[in-house]
Protein backbone atom coordinates (compact mmCIF):
# COMPACT_ATOMS: atom_id res chain seq x y z
CA MET A 1 0.00 0.00 0.00
CA ALA A 2 1.36 3.45 -0.93
CA GLU A 3 2.08 5.95 1.78
CA LEU A 4 -0.26 8.93 1.88
CA THR A 5 1.53 12.30 1.81
CA THR A 6 0.21 15.80 1.85
CA ALA A 7 1.63 18.56 -0.30
CA THR A 8 2.41 21.91 1.22
CA ALA A 9 0.56 24.77 -0.43
CA PRO A 10 2.73 27.50 -2.03
CA GLU A 11 1.24 30.07 0.36
CA GLU A 12 2.38 27.98 3.35
CA LEU A 13 5.88 27.67 1.92
CA ALA A 14 6.07 31.43 1.42
CA GLU A 15 4.86 31.95 4.99
CA GLU A 16 7.51 29.57 6.36
CA ALA A 17 10.24 31.29 4.33
CA SER A 18 9.25 34.76 5.52
CA ALA A 19 9.01 33.56 9.13
CA ALA A 20 12.64 32.38 8.92
CA VAL A 21 13.85 35.80 7.76
CA THR A 22 15.45 37.61 10.68
CA PRO A 23 15.85 41.38 11.10
CA GLU A 24 19.56 40.89 10.39
CA THR A 25 18.78 39.22 7.08
CA VAL A 26 16.46 42.10 6.20
CA ALA A 27 19.22 44.59 7.08
CA LEU A 28 21.73 42.64 4.99
CA ARG A 29 19.34 42.64 2.02
CA LYS A 30 18.88 46.40 2.36
CA VAL A 31 22.63 47.09 2.52
CA GLN A 32 23.22 45.00 -0.58
CA GLY A 33 20.26 46.57 -2.38
CA ALA A 34 21.49 50.08 -1.68
CA LEU A 35 25.26 49.66 -2.00
CA ALA A 36 26.16 46.59 -4.09
CA LYS A 37 26.95 48.58 -7.23
CA PRO A 38 29.87 47.48 -9.45
CA ALA A 39 32.39 50.06 -8.20
CA VAL A 40 31.52 49.42 -4.54
CA VAL A 41 31.70 45.65 -4.99
CA LYS A 42 35.09 45.97 -6.70
CA THR A 43 36.40 48.06 -3.80
CA ALA A 44 34.88 45.69 -1.23
CA ARG A 45 36.55 42.72 -2.93
CA ALA A 46 39.91 44.52 -2.83
CA MET A 47 39.39 45.24 0.87
CA SER A 48 38.50 41.60 1.41
CA LEU A 49 41.72 40.45 -0.24
CA PHE A 50 43.78 42.96 1.77
CA GLY A 51 42.20 41.86 5.04
CA GLU A 52 42.25 38.09 4.39
CA HIS A 53 43.97 36.41 7.36
CA ALA A 54 44.97 39.96 8.45
CA GLY A 55 47.67 39.82 5.75
CA GLY A 56 47.59 43.46 4.69
CA TRP A 57 47.57 44.69 8.28
CA LEU A 58 50.48 42.42 9.22
CA ALA A 59 52.42 43.69 6.20
CA ILE A 60 51.89 47.29 7.35
CA GLY A 61 53.22 46.35 10.80
CA ALA A 62 56.29 44.76 9.20
CA VAL A 63 56.92 47.87 7.07
CA GLY A 64 56.56 50.04 10.17
CA ALA A 65 59.15 47.89 11.95
CA LEU A 66 61.55 48.17 9.00
CA VAL A 67 61.16 51.92 8.53
CA ASP A 68 60.88 53.10 12.16
CA ARG A 69 63.97 51.46 13.67
CA GLU A 70 63.69 53.35 16.96
CA ARG A 71 60.28 51.81 17.63
CA ARG A 72 60.81 48.47 15.88
CA GLY A 73 59.82 46.52 18.99
CA GLU A 74 56.61 48.51 19.38
CA TRP A 75 55.68 47.97 15.72
CA LEU A 76 56.32 44.24 16.06
CA THR A 77 54.26 44.14 19.26
CA ALA A 78 51.43 46.00 17.52
CA ALA A 79 51.57 43.59 14.57
CA ALA A 80 51.55 40.67 17.03
CA GLY A 81 48.43 42.26 18.55
CA VAL A 82 46.76 42.26 15.14
CA ALA A 83 47.69 38.60 14.70
CA ALA A 84 46.36 37.82 18.19
CA ALA A 85 43.07 39.57 17.40
CA HIS A 86 42.73 37.56 14.21
CA ALA A 87 43.49 34.33 16.07
CA ALA A 88 40.91 35.23 18.73
CA SER A 89 38.25 35.72 16.06
CA ILE A 90 39.04 32.30 14.57
CA ALA A 91 38.80 30.70 18.01
CA VAL A 92 35.41 32.33 18.66
CA LYS A 93 34.17 31.24 15.20
CA ARG A 94 35.04 27.64 15.97
CA VAL A 95 33.15 27.77 19.26
CA VAL A 96 30.05 29.65 18.03
CA ARG A 97 29.86 27.92 14.60
CA ARG A 98 27.32 30.37 13.13
CA ARG A 99 26.85 29.78 9.42
CA ARG A 100 27.31 32.54 6.87
CA PRO A 101 24.19 34.14 5.36
CA ALA A 102 22.31 31.76 3.08
CA ASP A 103 19.30 33.82 2.10
CA PRO A 104 18.21 33.51 -1.54
CA GLU A 105 17.97 37.30 -1.79
CA VAL A 106 21.53 37.84 -0.53
CA GLN A 107 24.27 37.48 -3.12
CA VAL A 108 27.62 36.12 -1.97
CA LEU A 109 30.06 38.23 -3.96
CA VAL A 110 33.42 36.91 -2.70
CA GLY A 111 34.91 33.60 -1.68
CA THR A 112 35.61 32.85 1.98
CA PRO A 113 38.07 30.46 3.64
CA SER A 114 35.34 28.98 5.85
CA LYS A 115 31.58 28.73 6.14
CA LEU A 116 31.66 30.28 9.63
CA SER A 117 30.43 33.79 10.14
CA PHE A 118 30.60 35.00 13.77
CA PRO A 119 32.56 37.15 14.37
CA SER A 120 33.94 38.79 11.26
CA SER A 121 37.70 38.26 11.26
CA HIS A 122 38.10 41.16 8.83
CA ALA A 123 36.35 43.52 11.25
CA THR A 124 38.37 42.12 14.15
CA SER A 125 41.81 42.54 12.58
CA THR A 126 40.94 45.89 10.99
CA THR A 127 39.82 47.34 14.32
CA ALA A 128 42.90 45.99 16.08
CA ALA A 129 45.15 47.44 13.37
CA ALA A 130 43.38 50.81 13.40
CA VAL A 131 43.68 51.13 17.18
CA LEU A 132 47.25 49.85 17.44
CA TYR A 133 48.74 51.52 14.38
CA GLY A 134 46.76 54.68 15.08
CA GLY A 135 48.40 54.75 18.51
CA MET A 136 51.80 54.31 16.88
CA THR A 137 51.27 57.07 14.31
CA GLY A 138 49.22 59.48 16.42
CA LYS A 139 46.43 59.38 13.82
CA LYS A 140 42.76 58.56 14.42
CA LEU A 141 42.54 55.60 12.06
CA THR A 142 39.55 53.84 13.58
CA PRO A 143 36.77 56.03 12.09
CA VAL A 144 38.50 55.98 8.68
CA LEU A 145 39.28 52.25 8.43
CA VAL A 146 36.76 50.32 10.51
CA PRO A 147 33.33 51.39 9.18
CA PRO A 148 34.28 50.82 5.51
CA MET A 149 35.60 47.33 6.29
CA MET A 150 32.49 46.49 8.31
CA VAL A 151 30.16 47.66 5.53
CA SER A 152 32.22 45.86 2.88
CA ARG A 153 31.52 42.51 4.56
CA LEU A 154 27.78 43.21 4.33
CA VAL A 155 28.00 44.40 0.73
CA LEU A 156 29.77 41.16 -0.16
CA GLY A 157 27.01 39.15 1.56
CA VAL A 158 29.34 37.14 3.78
CA HIS A 159 28.39 38.46 7.23
CA TYR A 160 25.40 39.53 9.26
CA PRO A 161 25.50 42.96 10.95
CA SER A 162 26.08 41.38 14.39
CA ASP A 163 29.12 39.52 12.97
CA VAL A 164 30.90 42.74 12.06
CA VAL A 165 29.89 44.55 15.25
CA ALA A 166 31.12 41.66 17.41
CA GLY A 167 34.31 41.39 15.36
CA SER A 168 35.04 45.07 15.79
CA ALA A 169 34.39 44.86 19.54
CA LEU A 170 36.70 41.85 19.83
CA GLY A 171 39.44 43.61 17.84
CA GLY A 172 39.07 46.69 20.03
CA ALA A 173 39.30 44.62 23.22
CA VAL A 174 42.46 42.83 22.07
CA ALA A 175 44.00 46.13 20.92
CA TRP A 176 43.17 47.73 24.27
CA GLY A 177 45.01 44.93 26.06
CA VAL A 178 48.02 45.19 23.76
CA ARG A 179 48.19 48.99 24.10
CA ARG A 180 48.08 48.63 27.86
CA PHE A 181 50.94 46.10 27.69
CA MET A 182 52.93 48.45 25.42
CA ARG A 183 52.43 51.41 27.81
CA ARG A 184 53.57 49.39 30.80
CA ARG A 185 56.60 48.18 28.92
CA ARG A 186 57.47 51.72 27.80
CA ASN A 187 57.07 53.08 31.34
CA ARG A 188 59.41 50.43 32.76
CA GLY A 189 62.15 51.04 30.42
């Protein structure tokens, strides 16, 4: 005897799909709808490449150490802080295990090294670099560097808003700890 099944009406499927859409998904859709224009996407992809595994930020720390011989140790400590922030974000990702956005209305416009989303490692390392290198140069880098990187991750469809906010907070916390360590070390010596 054949098993009796019931088909789900299209209206019910649409209801289920809309019920699963979170406010963060709606926000992500809106950011992409407003900003995902060719020039912005091209810039966001370049930022993504620069920030992948904190590579661009680590390279800047290395250049600072080469050029500013008097503060070589401080530059290397700051770069180590950026690496530590990145490592912390990877550790949190592996514990939380939140999946990247998978909404049919959100386009994924760049490749990622993992399917894990929370927190954004790009936002984490960018914030750490902005705070630490800004402290080294005496420039306010955070408002110039961090918001564009955070928005770029949304434009590319690879993070939810809370991913980039949490990543930035984590990067700021690590940078605060490293700056405190650097001040203590400077005051001792």
